[in-house]
Amino acid sequence: MTYSKEEKAMWLEDWRQSGKSAWTYAKENGLIPQTFVTWAKKYNTKEKSGFVEIKQERKPKLNALGIVIEKGDIKIHLPTGISGNDLSTVIESLELSVRRASI
């Protein structure tokens, strides 16, 4: 069976969240393990994702414009009083754009 890039991305994201080895995940989900491992190597977004873990001791800066999160050359500005729904939308949009860029 042939899978589209979007389907591969879906399988790979589900696998990453599972915490299982690529081989085990593929077998449990009816995929060919050798093929799935190849996808995982080819589309490995862990290094390319653009997301950087921010350690707990780092606190976002709060200024008159809101919260500014900085890491290297990357700055994310969030307005004061941003709702949880709006923040979720921002995060989901970032994740989606990173997934598209890595495929």
N, C-alpha and C. Protein backbone atom coordinates (compact mmCIF):
# COMPACT_ATOMS: atom_id res chain seq x y z
N MET A 1 0.84 -1.17 0.00
CA MET A 1 0.00 0.00 0.00
C MET A 1 0.89 1.25 0.00
N THR A 2 0.46 2.26 -0.72
CA THR A 2 1.19 3.52 -0.80
C THR A 2 0.50 4.56 0.08
N TYR A 3 1.29 5.29 0.85
CA TYR A 3 0.76 6.32 1.74
C TYR A 3 1.21 7.69 1.27
N SER A 4 0.31 8.67 1.43
CA SER A 4 0.66 10.05 1.08
C SER A 4 1.58 10.62 2.17
N LYS A 5 2.18 11.76 1.87
CA LYS A 5 3.03 12.42 2.87
C LYS A 5 2.24 12.75 4.13
N GLU A 6 0.99 13.17 3.94
CA GLU A 6 0.14 13.52 5.08
C GLU A 6 -0.14 12.30 5.95
N GLU A 7 -0.41 11.14 5.30
CA GLU A 7 -0.66 9.92 6.06
C GLU A 7 0.59 9.47 6.81
N LYS A 8 1.74 9.58 6.15
CA LYS A 8 3.00 9.22 6.82
C LYS A 8 3.22 10.12 8.02
N ALA A 9 2.96 11.42 7.85
CA ALA A 9 3.14 12.36 8.95
C ALA A 9 2.22 12.01 10.11
N MET A 10 0.98 11.60 9.80
CA MET A 10 0.03 11.21 10.84
C MET A 10 0.54 9.98 11.60
N TRP A 11 0.98 8.97 10.85
CA TRP A 11 1.51 7.75 11.48
C TRP A 11 2.73 8.08 12.35
N LEU A 12 3.62 8.90 11.82
CA LEU A 12 4.85 9.24 12.55
C LEU A 12 4.55 10.03 13.81
N GLU A 13 3.61 10.96 13.74
CA GLU A 13 3.26 11.74 14.93
C GLU A 13 2.63 10.84 15.99
N ASP A 14 1.75 9.96 15.57
CA ASP A 14 1.12 9.03 16.51
C ASP A 14 2.18 8.13 17.16
N TRP A 15 3.13 7.68 16.35
CA TRP A 15 4.22 6.83 16.87
C TRP A 15 5.05 7.59 17.91
N ARG A 16 5.43 8.84 17.60
CA ARG A 16 6.24 9.63 18.55
C ARG A 16 5.53 9.78 19.89
N GLN A 17 4.23 9.97 19.84
CA GLN A 17 3.47 10.15 21.07
C GLN A 17 3.29 8.83 21.82
N SER A 18 3.43 7.71 21.12
CA SER A 18 3.24 6.41 21.75
C SER A 18 4.38 6.03 22.69
N GLY A 19 5.59 6.54 22.41
CA GLY A 19 6.75 6.19 23.22
C GLY A 19 7.31 4.82 22.90
N LYS A 20 6.78 4.16 21.90
CA LYS A 20 7.24 2.82 21.52
C LYS A 20 8.34 2.90 20.47
N SER A 21 9.05 1.79 20.30
CA SER A 21 10.03 1.74 19.22
C SER A 21 9.28 1.74 17.89
N ALA A 22 9.94 2.22 16.85
CA ALA A 22 9.31 2.26 15.53
C ALA A 22 8.89 0.86 15.10
N TRP A 23 9.74 -0.11 15.36
CA TRP A 23 9.47 -1.50 14.96
C TRP A 23 8.22 -2.03 15.65
N THR A 24 8.13 -1.85 16.96
CA THR A 24 6.98 -2.33 17.73
C THR A 24 5.71 -1.62 17.29
N TYR A 25 5.78 -0.30 17.14
CA TYR A 25 4.61 0.47 16.74
C TYR A 25 4.10 -0.03 15.38
N ALA A 26 5.01 -0.21 14.44
CA ALA A 26 4.60 -0.66 13.10
C ALA A 26 3.90 -2.01 13.17
N LYS A 27 4.48 -2.95 13.89
CA LYS A 27 3.87 -4.30 13.99
C LYS A 27 2.49 -4.24 14.62
N GLU A 28 2.35 -3.43 15.67
CA GLU A 28 1.06 -3.33 16.36
C GLU A 28 -0.01 -2.64 15.53
N ASN A 29 0.41 -1.86 14.53
CA ASN A 29 -0.55 -1.11 13.71
C ASN A 29 -0.67 -1.62 12.28
N GLY A 30 -0.15 -2.82 12.03
CA GLY A 30 -0.31 -3.44 10.71
C GLY A 30 0.53 -2.82 9.61
N LEU A 31 1.60 -2.15 9.99
CA LEU A 31 2.50 -1.55 9.01
C LEU A 31 3.72 -2.46 8.85
N ILE A 32 4.39 -2.35 7.73
CA ILE A 32 5.61 -3.13 7.51
C ILE A 32 6.73 -2.46 8.30
N PRO A 33 7.28 -3.16 9.31
CA PRO A 33 8.28 -2.54 10.18
C PRO A 33 9.47 -1.93 9.45
N GLN A 34 10.02 -2.63 8.45
CA GLN A 34 11.18 -2.10 7.73
C GLN A 34 10.84 -0.78 7.04
N THR A 35 9.67 -0.72 6.44
CA THR A 35 9.23 0.49 5.76
C THR A 35 9.02 1.63 6.75
N PHE A 36 8.39 1.31 7.89
CA PHE A 36 8.11 2.34 8.87
C PHE A 36 9.41 2.90 9.46
N VAL A 37 10.37 2.05 9.72
CA VAL A 37 11.67 2.51 10.24
C VAL A 37 12.33 3.43 9.22
N THR A 38 12.20 3.12 7.94
CA THR A 38 12.74 3.98 6.89
C THR A 38 12.06 5.35 6.91
N TRP A 39 10.73 5.36 7.07
CA TRP A 39 10.01 6.64 7.17
C TRP A 39 10.54 7.43 8.36
N ALA A 40 10.68 6.75 9.49
CA ALA A 40 11.12 7.43 10.71
C ALA A 40 12.49 8.07 10.52
N LYS A 41 13.38 7.39 9.80
CA LYS A 41 14.70 7.96 9.54
C LYS A 41 14.62 9.10 8.54
N LYS A 42 13.83 8.91 7.48
CA LYS A 42 13.73 9.91 6.42
C LYS A 42 13.03 11.18 6.89
N TYR A 43 11.98 11.00 7.66
CA TYR A 43 11.18 12.14 8.09
C TYR A 43 11.42 12.48 9.55
N ASN A 44 12.60 12.19 10.04
CA ASN A 44 12.92 12.48 11.43
C ASN A 44 12.86 13.99 11.65
N THR A 45 11.79 14.42 12.33
CA THR A 45 11.60 15.86 12.56
C THR A 45 12.08 16.27 13.93
N LYS A 46 12.54 15.34 14.72
CA LYS A 46 12.97 15.68 16.07
C LYS A 46 14.06 16.74 16.03
N GLU A 47 15.03 16.58 15.13
CA GLU A 47 16.13 17.52 15.05
C GLU A 47 15.75 18.78 14.27
N LYS A 48 14.81 18.65 13.32
CA LYS A 48 14.47 19.76 12.44
C LYS A 48 13.25 20.54 12.91
N SER A 49 12.65 20.14 14.01
CA SER A 49 11.34 20.67 14.35
C SER A 49 11.31 22.17 14.60
N GLY A 50 12.40 22.76 15.06
CA GLY A 50 12.39 24.17 15.36
C GLY A 50 11.91 24.45 16.77
N PHE A 51 11.38 23.45 17.46
CA PHE A 51 10.96 23.63 18.83
C PHE A 51 12.13 23.34 19.75
N VAL A 52 12.27 24.16 20.74
CA VAL A 52 13.37 24.04 21.69
C VAL A 52 12.77 23.93 23.08
N GLU A 53 13.23 22.96 23.84
CA GLU A 53 12.75 22.81 25.20
C GLU A 53 13.23 24.00 26.03
N ILE A 54 12.31 24.59 26.76
CA ILE A 54 12.65 25.69 27.65
C ILE A 54 12.67 25.14 29.06
N LYS A 55 13.82 25.19 29.70
CA LYS A 55 13.94 24.65 31.04
C LYS A 55 13.09 25.44 32.02
N GLN A 56 12.66 24.78 33.08
CA GLN A 56 11.75 25.39 34.04
C GLN A 56 12.29 26.68 34.65
N GLU A 57 13.59 26.76 34.88
CA GLU A 57 14.11 27.96 35.52
C GLU A 57 14.02 29.20 34.63
N ARG A 58 13.82 29.00 33.32
CA ARG A 58 13.66 30.14 32.42
C ARG A 58 12.21 30.60 32.49
N LYS A 59 12.03 31.86 32.77
CA LYS A 59 10.67 32.39 32.83
C LYS A 59 10.48 33.38 31.69
N PRO A 60 9.30 33.37 31.08
CA PRO A 60 9.04 34.34 30.02
C PRO A 60 9.09 35.76 30.57
N LYS A 61 9.48 36.69 29.71
CA LYS A 61 9.52 38.10 30.11
C LYS A 61 8.13 38.70 29.95
N LEU A 62 7.72 39.47 30.91
CA LEU A 62 6.43 40.16 30.84
C LEU A 62 6.71 41.64 30.68
N ASN A 63 6.13 42.22 29.63
CA ASN A 63 6.29 43.66 29.42
C ASN A 63 4.93 44.24 29.08
N ALA A 64 4.90 45.51 28.72
CA ALA A 64 3.63 46.18 28.43
C ALA A 64 2.89 45.54 27.26
N LEU A 65 3.61 44.89 26.37
CA LEU A 65 2.99 44.26 25.21
C LEU A 65 2.48 42.86 25.51
N GLY A 66 2.91 42.28 26.62
CA GLY A 66 2.51 40.93 26.96
C GLY A 66 3.71 40.09 27.33
N ILE A 67 3.68 38.84 26.92
CA ILE A 67 4.77 37.90 27.23
C ILE A 67 5.64 37.76 25.99
N VAL A 68 6.95 37.78 26.21
CA VAL A 68 7.90 37.58 25.12
C VAL A 68 8.75 36.36 25.49
N ILE A 69 8.71 35.35 24.65
CA ILE A 69 9.52 34.16 24.84
C ILE A 69 10.64 34.23 23.82
N GLU A 70 11.89 34.15 24.28
CA GLU A 70 13.04 34.26 23.39
C GLU A 70 13.93 33.04 23.52
N LYS A 71 14.42 32.55 22.40
CA LYS A 71 15.42 31.49 22.35
C LYS A 71 16.27 31.76 21.12
N GLY A 72 17.51 32.20 21.33
CA GLY A 72 18.36 32.54 20.20
C GLY A 72 17.76 33.69 19.41
N ASP A 73 17.62 33.48 18.11
CA ASP A 73 17.05 34.52 17.23
C ASP A 73 15.53 34.48 17.17
N ILE A 74 14.92 33.52 17.85
CA ILE A 74 13.47 33.35 17.78
C ILE A 74 12.80 34.08 18.92
N LYS A 75 11.78 34.89 18.59
CA LYS A 75 11.01 35.60 19.60
C LYS A 75 9.53 35.34 19.33
N ILE A 76 8.81 35.00 20.37
CA ILE A 76 7.36 34.81 20.26
C ILE A 76 6.72 35.82 21.21
N HIS A 77 5.86 36.68 20.66
CA HIS A 77 5.17 37.70 21.45
C HIS A 77 3.73 37.25 21.66
N LEU A 78 3.31 37.20 22.91
CA LEU A 78 1.93 36.85 23.24
C LEU A 78 1.33 38.03 24.01
N PRO A 79 0.16 38.51 23.59
CA PRO A 79 -0.42 39.66 24.27
C PRO A 79 -0.86 39.31 25.69
N THR A 80 -0.85 40.31 26.56
CA THR A 80 -1.34 40.13 27.92
C THR A 80 -2.80 39.73 27.85
N GLY A 81 -3.17 38.77 28.65
CA GLY A 81 -4.58 38.35 28.69
C GLY A 81 -4.98 37.40 27.58
N ILE A 82 -4.01 36.80 26.89
CA ILE A 82 -4.36 35.85 25.83
C ILE A 82 -5.16 34.70 26.44
N SER A 83 -6.22 34.32 25.78
CA SER A 83 -7.06 33.25 26.32
C SER A 83 -6.40 31.89 26.09
N GLY A 84 -6.80 30.93 26.87
CA GLY A 84 -6.28 29.57 26.71
C GLY A 84 -6.57 29.02 25.32
N ASN A 85 -7.75 29.33 24.80
CA ASN A 85 -8.11 28.86 23.45
C ASN A 85 -7.21 29.48 22.39
N ASP A 86 -6.95 30.77 22.53
CA ASP A 86 -6.08 31.44 21.56
C ASP A 86 -4.66 30.90 21.64
N LEU A 87 -4.17 30.66 22.85
CA LEU A 87 -2.83 30.11 23.02
C LEU A 87 -2.76 28.71 22.40
N SER A 88 -3.78 27.91 22.61
CA SER A 88 -3.83 26.57 22.00
C SER A 88 -3.79 26.66 20.48
N THR A 89 -4.51 27.61 19.91
CA THR A 89 -4.53 27.81 18.47
C THR A 89 -3.14 28.18 17.95
N VAL A 90 -2.44 29.05 18.68
CA VAL A 90 -1.08 29.44 18.28
C VAL A 90 -0.17 28.22 18.28
N ILE A 91 -0.22 27.44 19.35
CA ILE A 91 0.65 26.26 19.46
C ILE A 91 0.33 25.24 18.37
N GLU A 92 -0.96 24.96 18.14
CA GLU A 92 -1.35 24.02 17.10
C GLU A 92 -0.89 24.49 15.73
N SER A 93 -1.00 25.79 15.46
CA SER A 93 -0.56 26.34 14.18
C SER A 93 0.94 26.18 13.99
N LEU A 94 1.70 26.43 15.06
CA LEU A 94 3.15 26.25 14.99
C LEU A 94 3.50 24.79 14.72
N GLU A 95 2.85 23.88 15.43
CA GLU A 95 3.12 22.45 15.23
C GLU A 95 2.80 22.03 13.80
N LEU A 96 1.67 22.49 13.27
CA LEU A 96 1.26 22.14 11.91
C LEU A 96 2.25 22.68 10.90
N SER A 97 2.69 23.93 11.06
CA SER A 97 3.63 24.51 10.10
C SER A 97 4.98 23.79 10.16
N VAL A 98 5.39 23.36 11.34
CA VAL A 98 6.64 22.62 11.45
C VAL A 98 6.53 21.26 10.79
N ARG A 99 5.39 20.58 11.01
CA ARG A 99 5.19 19.28 10.36
C ARG A 99 5.23 19.41 8.84
N ARG A 100 4.56 20.43 8.31
CA ARG A 100 4.54 20.62 6.86
C ARG A 100 5.93 20.92 6.32
N ALA A 101 6.68 21.69 7.05
CA ALA A 101 8.03 22.06 6.61
C ALA A 101 8.98 20.88 6.65
N SER A 102 8.70 19.90 7.50
CA SER A 102 9.63 18.78 7.66
C SER A 102 9.32 17.62 6.74
N ILE A 103 8.22 17.68 6.05
CA ILE A 103 7.85 16.55 5.15
C ILE A 103 8.43 16.75 3.78
